[in-house]
Amino acid sequence: MADAATILSSERGISLRQAYRYLEQAQAIGHAVPIAEPSIPVTFKIPGEVIHQLRAYSAASELTLSEIVARALKAFLSTVRPRTRHG
């Protein structure tokens, strides 16, 4: 466990204490969990009413704002065709 915590800490840039917490949680789950793609912080301007609704949904669903927005964007992007450049 000590070696795994040290490797996790250095590879993911987290504290050793947090690495131990993650490993303890992983042991409690009892099965492999897929590694999530790293997130990239971005800034958007969104109308206040949309944010109000988003926060309400987040509280009711227990999903983070980021998870809700990522899911919504993936759903939207799956419905549009990419534009190709001509030239």
PDB file of N, CA and C in Angstrom:
ATOM      1  N   MET A   1       0.836  -1.193   0.000  1.00  0.00           N
ATOM      2  CA  MET A   1       0.000   0.000   0.000  1.00  0.00           C
ATOM      3  C   MET A   1       0.880   1.256   0.000  1.00  0.00           C
ATOM      4  N   ALA A   2       1.992   1.224   0.731  1.00  0.00           N
ATOM      5  CA  ALA A   2       2.869   2.397   0.810  1.00  0.00           C
ATOM      6  C   ALA A   2       3.453   2.734  -0.558  1.00  0.00           C
ATOM      7  N   ASP A   3       3.888   1.696  -1.288  1.00  0.00           N
ATOM      8  CA  ASP A   3       4.446   1.941  -2.625  1.00  0.00           C
ATOM      9  C   ASP A   3       3.387   2.507  -3.565  1.00  0.00           C
ATOM     10  N   ALA A   4       2.189   1.924  -3.514  1.00  0.00           N
ATOM     11  CA  ALA A   4       1.106   2.396  -4.377  1.00  0.00           C
ATOM     12  C   ALA A   4       0.753   3.846  -4.060  1.00  0.00           C
ATOM     13  N   ALA A   5       0.714   4.187  -2.785  1.00  0.00           N
ATOM     14  CA  ALA A   5       0.389   5.561  -2.377  1.00  0.00           C
ATOM     15  C   ALA A   5       1.457   6.538  -2.860  1.00  0.00           C
ATOM     16  N   THR A   6       2.699   6.140  -2.759  1.00  0.00           N
ATOM     17  CA  THR A   6       3.798   7.004  -3.208  1.00  0.00           C
ATOM     18  C   THR A   6       3.726   7.239  -4.709  1.00  0.00           C
ATOM     19  N   ILE A   7       3.474   6.170  -5.462  1.00  0.00           N
ATOM     20  CA  ILE A   7       3.371   6.297  -6.927  1.00  0.00           C
ATOM     21  C   ILE A   7       2.164   7.156  -7.305  1.00  0.00           C
ATOM     22  N   LEU A   8       1.025   6.886  -6.690  1.00  0.00           N
ATOM     23  CA  LEU A   8      -0.189   7.662  -6.977  1.00  0.00           C
ATOM     24  C   LEU A   8       0.024   9.128  -6.668  1.00  0.00           C
ATOM     25  N   SER A   9       0.654   9.399  -5.544  1.00  0.00           N
ATOM     26  CA  SER A   9       0.920  10.779  -5.139  1.00  0.00           C
ATOM     27  C   SER A   9       1.786  11.506  -6.164  1.00  0.00           C
ATOM     28  N   SER A  10       2.854  10.860  -6.598  1.00  0.00           N
ATOM     29  CA  SER A  10       3.759  11.536  -7.534  1.00  0.00           C
ATOM     30  C   SER A  10       3.182  11.632  -8.944  1.00  0.00           C
ATOM     31  N   GLU A  11       2.474  10.590  -9.392  1.00  0.00           N
ATOM     32  CA  GLU A  11       1.922  10.620 -10.755  1.00  0.00           C
ATOM     33  C   GLU A  11       0.756  11.579 -10.892  1.00  0.00           C
ATOM     34  N   ARG A  12      -0.035  11.733  -9.857  1.00  0.00           N
ATOM     35  CA  ARG A  12      -1.233  12.567  -9.940  1.00  0.00           C
ATOM     36  C   ARG A  12      -1.080  13.918  -9.266  1.00  0.00           C
ATOM     37  N   GLY A  13       0.071  14.165  -8.675  1.00  0.00           N
ATOM     38  CA  GLY A  13       0.310  15.466  -8.054  1.00  0.00           C
ATOM     39  C   GLY A  13      -0.587  15.736  -6.858  1.00  0.00           C
ATOM     40  N   ILE A  14      -0.841  14.695  -6.067  1.00  0.00           N
ATOM     41  CA  ILE A  14      -1.674  14.844  -4.868  1.00  0.00           C
ATOM     42  C   ILE A  14      -0.832  14.527  -3.649  1.00  0.00           C
ATOM     43  N   SER A  15      -1.334  14.892  -2.482  1.00  0.00           N
ATOM     44  CA  SER A  15      -0.594  14.607  -1.264  1.00  0.00           C
ATOM     45  C   SER A  15      -0.585  13.109  -0.989  1.00  0.00           C
ATOM     46  N   LEU A  16       0.391  12.679  -0.232  1.00  0.00           N
ATOM     47  CA  LEU A  16       0.487  11.272   0.144  1.00  0.00           C
ATOM     48  C   LEU A  16      -0.737  10.866   0.962  1.00  0.00           C
ATOM     49  N   ARG A  17      -1.181  11.761   1.823  1.00  0.00           N
ATOM     50  CA  ARG A  17      -2.369  11.486   2.637  1.00  0.00           C
ATOM     51  C   ARG A  17      -3.601  11.253   1.759  1.00  0.00           C
ATOM     52  N   GLN A  18      -3.768  12.103   0.741  1.00  0.00           N
ATOM     53  CA  GLN A  18      -4.910  11.945  -0.171  1.00  0.00           C
ATOM     54  C   GLN A  18      -4.779  10.658  -0.971  1.00  0.00           C
ATOM     55  N   ALA A  19      -3.565  10.304  -1.359  1.00  0.00           N
ATOM     56  CA  ALA A  19      -3.338   9.055  -2.088  1.00  0.00           C
ATOM     57  C   ALA A  19      -3.771   7.859  -1.248  1.00  0.00           C
ATOM     58  N   TYR A  20      -3.431   7.869   0.031  1.00  0.00           N
ATOM     59  CA  TYR A  20      -3.868   6.794   0.930  1.00  0.00           C
ATOM     60  C   TYR A  20      -5.398   6.735   1.012  1.00  0.00           C
ATOM     61  N   ARG A  21      -6.028   7.905   1.080  1.00  0.00           N
ATOM     62  CA  ARG A  21      -7.503   7.935   1.133  1.00  0.00           C
ATOM     63  C   ARG A  21      -8.104   7.294  -0.118  1.00  0.00           C
ATOM     64  N   TYR A  22      -7.569   7.654  -1.276  1.00  0.00           N
ATOM     65  CA  TYR A  22      -8.063   7.082  -2.523  1.00  0.00           C
ATOM     66  C   TYR A  22      -7.875   5.566  -2.553  1.00  0.00           C
ATOM     67  N   LEU A  23      -6.725   5.107  -2.102  1.00  0.00           N
ATOM     68  CA  LEU A  23      -6.463   3.672  -2.099  1.00  0.00           C
ATOM     69  C   LEU A  23      -7.385   2.937  -1.125  1.00  0.00           C
ATOM     70  N   GLU A  24      -7.644   3.541   0.027  1.00  0.00           N
ATOM     71  CA  GLU A  24      -8.572   2.929   0.983  1.00  0.00           C
ATOM     72  C   GLU A  24      -9.982   2.861   0.405  1.00  0.00           C
ATOM     73  N   GLN A  25     -10.396   3.913  -0.289  1.00  0.00           N
ATOM     74  CA  GLN A  25     -11.715   3.909  -0.931  1.00  0.00           C
ATOM     75  C   GLN A  25     -11.773   2.849  -2.024  1.00  0.00           C
ATOM     76  N   ALA A  26     -10.690   2.712  -2.779  1.00  0.00           N
ATOM     77  CA  ALA A  26     -10.647   1.708  -3.847  1.00  0.00           C
ATOM     78  C   ALA A  26     -10.748   0.302  -3.268  1.00  0.00           C
ATOM     79  N   GLN A  27     -10.094   0.053  -2.153  1.00  0.00           N
ATOM     80  CA  GLN A  27     -10.179  -1.259  -1.517  1.00  0.00           C
ATOM     81  C   GLN A  27     -11.604  -1.547  -1.067  1.00  0.00           C
ATOM     82  N   ALA A  28     -12.285  -0.539  -0.567  1.00  0.00           N
ATOM     83  CA  ALA A  28     -13.650  -0.719  -0.080  1.00  0.00           C
ATOM     84  C   ALA A  28     -14.615  -1.043  -1.217  1.00  0.00           C
ATOM     85  N   ILE A  29     -14.347  -0.525  -2.419  1.00  0.00           N
ATOM     86  CA  ILE A  29     -15.215  -0.778  -3.568  1.00  0.00           C
ATOM     87  C   ILE A  29     -15.136  -2.249  -3.972  1.00  0.00           C
ATOM     88  N   GLY A  30     -13.941  -2.805  -3.962  1.00  0.00           N
ATOM     89  CA  GLY A  30     -13.784  -4.223  -4.232  1.00  0.00           C
ATOM     90  C   GLY A  30     -13.673  -4.616  -5.694  1.00  0.00           C
ATOM     91  N   HIS A  31     -13.652  -3.654  -6.606  1.00  0.00           N
ATOM     92  CA  HIS A  31     -13.478  -3.970  -8.023  1.00  0.00           C
ATOM     93  C   HIS A  31     -12.782  -2.805  -8.713  1.00  0.00           C
ATOM     94  N   ALA A  32     -12.265  -3.069  -9.903  1.00  0.00           N
ATOM     95  CA  ALA A  32     -11.553  -2.033 -10.656  1.00  0.00           C
ATOM     96  C   ALA A  32     -12.502  -0.912 -11.065  1.00  0.00           C
ATOM     97  N   VAL A  33     -12.013   0.303 -10.998  1.00  0.00           N
ATOM     98  CA  VAL A  33     -12.787   1.485 -11.381  1.00  0.00           C
ATOM     99  C   VAL A  33     -12.035   2.177 -12.510  1.00  0.00           C
ATOM    100  N   PRO A  34     -12.726   2.519 -13.605  1.00  0.00           N
ATOM    101  CA  PRO A  34     -12.026   3.172 -14.715  1.00  0.00           C
ATOM    102  C   PRO A  34     -11.466   4.532 -14.295  1.00  0.00           C
ATOM    103  N   ILE A  35     -10.314   4.861 -14.851  1.00  0.00           N
ATOM    104  CA  ILE A  35      -9.679   6.143 -14.563  1.00  0.00           C
ATOM    105  C   ILE A  35     -10.339   7.210 -15.416  1.00  0.00           C
ATOM    106  N   ALA A  36     -10.776   8.267 -14.770  1.00  0.00           N
ATOM    107  CA  ALA A  36     -11.442   9.364 -15.486  1.00  0.00           C
ATOM    108  C   ALA A  36     -10.419  10.195 -16.248  1.00  0.00           C
ATOM    109  N   GLU A  37     -10.864  10.724 -17.363  1.00  0.00           N
ATOM    110  CA  GLU A  37     -10.023  11.623 -18.145  1.00  0.00           C
ATOM    111  C   GLU A  37      -9.791  12.899 -17.337  1.00  0.00           C
ATOM    112  N   PRO A  38      -8.563  13.418 -17.329  1.00  0.00           N
ATOM    113  CA  PRO A  38      -8.306  14.644 -16.572  1.00  0.00           C
ATOM    114  C   PRO A  38      -9.172  15.800 -17.083  1.00  0.00           C
ATOM    115  N   SER A  39      -9.608  16.632 -16.181  1.00  0.00           N
ATOM    116  CA  SER A  39     -10.422  17.794 -16.539  1.00  0.00           C
ATOM    117  C   SER A  39      -9.541  19.002 -16.758  1.00  0.00           C
ATOM    118  N   ILE A  40      -9.998  19.886 -17.625  1.00  0.00           N
ATOM    119  CA  ILE A  40      -9.288  21.126 -17.923  1.00  0.00           C
ATOM    120  C   ILE A  40     -10.189  22.282 -17.511  1.00  0.00           C
ATOM    121  N   PRO A  41      -9.708  23.156 -16.635  1.00  0.00           N
ATOM    122  CA  PRO A  41     -10.554  24.282 -16.227  1.00  0.00           C
ATOM    123  C   PRO A  41     -10.790  25.250 -17.389  1.00  0.00           C
ATOM    124  N   VAL A  42     -12.044  25.669 -17.553  1.00  0.00           N
ATOM    125  CA  VAL A  42     -12.416  26.662 -18.558  1.00  0.00           C
ATOM    126  C   VAL A  42     -13.394  27.646 -17.918  1.00  0.00           C
ATOM    127  N   THR A  43     -13.553  28.789 -18.543  1.00  0.00           N
ATOM    128  CA  THR A  43     -14.471  29.807 -18.034  1.00  0.00           C
ATOM    129  C   THR A  43     -15.496  30.130 -19.100  1.00  0.00           C
ATOM    130  N   PHE A  44     -16.769  30.109 -18.720  1.00  0.00           N
ATOM    131  CA  PHE A  44     -17.865  30.463 -19.606  1.00  0.00           C
ATOM    132  C   PHE A  44     -18.725  31.508 -18.923  1.00  0.00           C
ATOM    133  N   LYS A  45     -19.359  32.337 -19.721  1.00  0.00           N
ATOM    134  CA  LYS A  45     -20.371  33.253 -19.202  1.00  0.00           C
ATOM    135  C   LYS A  45     -21.723  32.647 -19.544  1.00  0.00           C
ATOM    136  N   ILE A  46     -22.515  32.379 -18.509  1.00  0.00           N
ATOM    137  CA  ILE A  46     -23.810  31.736 -18.670  1.00  0.00           C
ATOM    138  C   ILE A  46     -24.855  32.610 -17.986  1.00  0.00           C
ATOM    139  N   PRO A  47     -26.026  32.769 -18.596  1.00  0.00           N
ATOM    140  CA  PRO A  47     -27.064  33.612 -17.978  1.00  0.00           C
ATOM    141  C   PRO A  47     -27.397  33.153 -16.550  1.00  0.00           C
ATOM    142  N   GLY A  48     -27.695  34.120 -15.704  1.00  0.00           N
ATOM    143  CA  GLY A  48     -27.980  33.859 -14.298  1.00  0.00           C
ATOM    144  C   GLY A  48     -29.081  32.850 -14.067  1.00  0.00           C
ATOM    145  N   GLU A  49     -30.151  32.917 -14.850  1.00  0.00           N
ATOM    146  CA  GLU A  49     -31.267  31.984 -14.670  1.00  0.00           C
ATOM    147  C   GLU A  49     -30.831  30.551 -14.976  1.00  0.00           C
ATOM    148  N   VAL A  50     -29.976  30.376 -15.961  1.00  0.00           N
ATOM    149  CA  VAL A  50     -29.475  29.039 -16.285  1.00  0.00           C
ATOM    150  C   VAL A  50     -28.627  28.511 -15.129  1.00  0.00           C
ATOM    151  N   ILE A  51     -27.791  29.356 -14.564  1.00  0.00           N
ATOM    152  CA  ILE A  51     -26.973  28.958 -13.412  1.00  0.00           C
ATOM    153  C   ILE A  51     -27.862  28.599 -12.228  1.00  0.00           C
ATOM    154  N   HIS A  52     -28.909  29.365 -11.999  1.00  0.00           N
ATOM    155  CA  HIS A  52     -29.843  29.073 -10.908  1.00  0.00           C
ATOM    156  C   HIS A  52     -30.453  27.680 -11.094  1.00  0.00           C
ATOM    157  N   GLN A  53     -30.899  27.386 -12.306  1.00  0.00           N
ATOM    158  CA  GLN A  53     -31.484  26.072 -12.593  1.00  0.00           C
ATOM    159  C   GLN A  53     -30.434  24.964 -12.483  1.00  0.00           C
ATOM    160  N   LEU A  54     -29.237  25.246 -12.951  1.00  0.00           N
ATOM    161  CA  LEU A  54     -28.149  24.272 -12.885  1.00  0.00           C
ATOM    162  C   LEU A  54     -27.807  23.933 -11.437  1.00  0.00           C
ATOM    163  N   ARG A  55     -27.717  24.937 -10.594  1.00  0.00           N
ATOM    164  CA  ARG A  55     -27.409  24.697  -9.175  1.00  0.00           C
ATOM    165  C   ARG A  55     -28.525  23.928  -8.481  1.00  0.00           C
ATOM    166  N   ALA A  56     -29.757  24.239  -8.821  1.00  0.00           N
ATOM    167  CA  ALA A  56     -30.891  23.516  -8.228  1.00  0.00           C
ATOM    168  C   ALA A  56     -30.858  22.050  -8.647  1.00  0.00           C
ATOM    169  N   TYR A  57     -30.589  21.816  -9.926  1.00  0.00           N
ATOM    170  CA  TYR A  57     -30.506  20.432 -10.405  1.00  0.00           C
ATOM    171  C   TYR A  57     -29.337  19.704  -9.756  1.00  0.00           C
ATOM    172  N   SER A  58     -28.230  20.406  -9.594  1.00  0.00           N
ATOM    173  CA  SER A  58     -27.051  19.818  -8.957  1.00  0.00           C
ATOM    174  C   SER A  58     -27.370  19.372  -7.532  1.00  0.00           C
ATOM    175  N   ALA A  59     -28.049  20.215  -6.790  1.00  0.00           N
ATOM    176  CA  ALA A  59     -28.406  19.876  -5.409  1.00  0.00           C
ATOM    177  C   ALA A  59     -29.362  18.693  -5.356  1.00  0.00           C
ATOM    178  N   ALA A  60     -30.317  18.657  -6.264  1.00  0.00           N
ATOM    179  CA  ALA A  60     -31.316  17.587  -6.268  1.00  0.00           C
ATOM    180  C   ALA A  60     -30.733  16.257  -6.747  1.00  0.00           C
ATOM    181  N   SER A  61     -29.817  16.316  -7.693  1.00  0.00           N
ATOM    182  CA  SER A  61     -29.280  15.094  -8.296  1.00  0.00           C
ATOM    183  C   SER A  61     -28.004  14.605  -7.617  1.00  0.00           C
ATOM    184  N   GLU A  62     -27.408  15.465  -6.795  1.00  0.00           N
ATOM    185  CA  GLU A  62     -26.120  15.181  -6.153  1.00  0.00           C
ATOM    186  C   GLU A  62     -24.989  15.002  -7.161  1.00  0.00           C
ATOM    187  N   LEU A  63     -25.148  15.621  -8.343  1.00  0.00           N
ATOM    188  CA  LEU A  63     -24.083  15.668  -9.341  1.00  0.00           C
ATOM    189  C   LEU A  63     -23.406  17.028  -9.236  1.00  0.00           C
ATOM    190  N   THR A  64     -22.127  17.089  -9.566  1.00  0.00           N
ATOM    191  CA  THR A  64     -21.438  18.368  -9.563  1.00  0.00           C
ATOM    192  C   THR A  64     -21.864  19.186 -10.775  1.00  0.00           C
ATOM    193  N   LEU A  65     -21.657  20.485 -10.689  1.00  0.00           N
ATOM    194  CA  LEU A  65     -21.944  21.354 -11.834  1.00  0.00           C
ATOM    195  C   LEU A  65     -21.124  20.905 -13.044  1.00  0.00           C
ATOM    196  N   SER A  66     -19.876  20.570 -12.814  1.00  0.00           N
ATOM    197  CA  SER A  66     -19.007  20.137 -13.911  1.00  0.00           C
ATOM    198  C   SER A  66     -19.534  18.880 -14.577  1.00  0.00           C
ATOM    199  N   GLU A  67     -20.004  17.915 -13.780  1.00  0.00           N
ATOM    200  CA  GLU A  67     -20.524  16.672 -14.351  1.00  0.00           C
ATOM    201  C   GLU A  67     -21.770  16.941 -15.191  1.00  0.00           C
ATOM    202  N   ILE A  68     -22.652  17.782 -14.704  1.00  0.00           N
ATOM    203  CA  ILE A  68     -23.877  18.105 -15.444  1.00  0.00           C
ATOM    204  C   ILE A  68     -23.538  18.787 -16.762  1.00  0.00           C
ATOM    205  N   VAL A  69     -22.657  19.773 -16.709  1.00  0.00           N
ATOM    206  CA  VAL A  69     -22.293  20.508 -17.927  1.00  0.00           C
ATOM    207  C   VAL A  69     -21.573  19.582 -18.907  1.00  0.00           C
ATOM    208  N   ALA A  70     -20.667  18.744 -18.422  1.00  0.00           N
ATOM    209  CA  ALA A  70     -19.958  17.824 -19.311  1.00  0.00           C
ATOM    210  C   ALA A  70     -20.936  16.867 -19.990  1.00  0.00           C
ATOM    211  N   ARG A  71     -21.887  16.329 -19.236  1.00  0.00           N
ATOM    212  CA  ARG A  71     -22.876  15.423 -19.826  1.00  0.00           C
ATOM    213  C   ARG A  71     -23.725  16.133 -20.869  1.00  0.00           C
ATOM    214  N   ALA A  72     -24.134  17.364 -20.560  1.00  0.00           N
ATOM    215  CA  ALA A  72     -24.964  18.122 -21.498  1.00  0.00           C
ATOM    216  C   ALA A  72     -24.192  18.430 -22.776  1.00  0.00           C
ATOM    217  N   LEU A  73     -22.930  18.808 -22.638  1.00  0.00           N
ATOM    218  CA  LEU A  73     -22.126  19.111 -23.820  1.00  0.00           C
ATOM    219  C   LEU A  73     -21.870  17.861 -24.656  1.00  0.00           C
ATOM    220  N   LYS A  74     -21.606  16.733 -24.011  1.00  0.00           N
ATOM    221  CA  LYS A  74     -21.413  15.477 -24.755  1.00  0.00           C
ATOM    222  C   LYS A  74     -22.686  15.113 -25.517  1.00  0.00           C
ATOM    223  N   ALA A  75     -23.841  15.256 -24.866  1.00  0.00           N
ATOM    224  CA  ALA A  75     -25.113  14.944 -25.533  1.00  0.00           C
ATOM    225  C   ALA A  75     -25.315  15.861 -26.730  1.00  0.00           C
ATOM    226  N   PHE A  76     -25.051  17.148 -26.565  1.00  0.00           N
ATOM    227  CA  PHE A  76     -25.196  18.097 -27.664  1.00  0.00           C
ATOM    228  C   PHE A  76     -24.245  17.755 -28.802  1.00  0.00           C
ATOM    229  N   LEU A  77     -22.977  17.530 -28.462  1.00  0.00           N
ATOM    230  CA  LEU A  77     -21.977  17.265 -29.493  1.00  0.00           C
ATOM    231  C   LEU A  77     -22.241  15.963 -30.245  1.00  0.00           C
ATOM    232  N   SER A  78     -22.913  15.022 -29.619  1.00  0.00           N
ATOM    233  CA  SER A  78     -23.224  13.774 -30.308  1.00  0.00           C
ATOM    234  C   SER A  78     -24.313  13.957 -31.364  1.00  0.00           C
ATOM    235  N   THR A  79     -25.008  15.091 -31.326  1.00  0.00           N
ATOM    236  CA  THR A  79     -26.092  15.338 -32.284  1.00  0.00           C
ATOM    237  C   THR A  79     -25.680  16.223 -33.448  1.00  0.00           C
ATOM    238  N   VAL A  80     -24.514  16.825 -33.378  1.00  0.00           N
ATOM    239  CA  VAL A  80     -24.084  17.726 -34.451  1.00  0.00           C
ATOM    240  C   VAL A  80     -22.966  17.082 -35.254  1.00  0.00           C
ATOM    241  N   ARG A  81     -22.948  17.397 -36.531  1.00  0.00           N
ATOM    242  CA  ARG A  81     -21.888  16.902 -37.393  1.00  0.00           C
ATOM    243  C   ARG A  81     -20.754  17.908 -37.423  1.00  0.00           C
ATOM    244  N   PRO A  82     -19.507  17.434 -37.362  1.00  0.00           N
ATOM    245  CA  PRO A  82     -18.398  18.392 -37.457  1.00  0.00           C
ATOM    246  C   PRO A  82     -18.348  19.029 -38.841  1.00  0.00           C
ATOM    247  N   ARG A  83     -18.013  20.266 -38.882  1.00  0.00           N
ATOM    248  CA  ARG A  83     -17.866  20.962 -40.160  1.00  0.00           C
ATOM    249  C   ARG A  83     -16.500  20.649 -40.734  1.00  0.00           C
ATOM    250  N   THR A  84     -16.431  20.505 -42.022  1.00  0.00           N
ATOM    251  CA  THR A  84     -15.151  20.264 -42.671  1.00  0.00           C
ATOM    252  C   THR A  84     -14.708  21.527 -43.382  1.00  0.00           C
ATOM    253  N   ARG A  85     -13.414  21.710 -43.455  1.00  0.00           N
ATOM    254  CA  ARG A  85     -12.859  22.877 -44.133  1.00  0.00           C
ATOM    255  C   ARG A  85     -12.681  22.569 -45.608  1.00  0.00           C
ATOM    256  N   HIS A  86     -13.011  23.517 -46.409  1.00  0.00           N
ATOM    257  CA  HIS A  86     -12.786  23.374 -47.853  1.00  0.00           C
ATOM    258  C   HIS A  86     -11.667  24.321 -48.235  1.00  0.00           C
ATOM    259  N   GLY A  87     -10.774  23.832 -49.024  1.00  0.00           N
ATOM    260  CA  GLY A  87      -9.767  24.785 -49.427  1.00  0.00           C
ATOM    261  C   GLY A  87      -8.527  24.176 -49.739  1.00  0.00           C
TER     262      GLY A  87
END
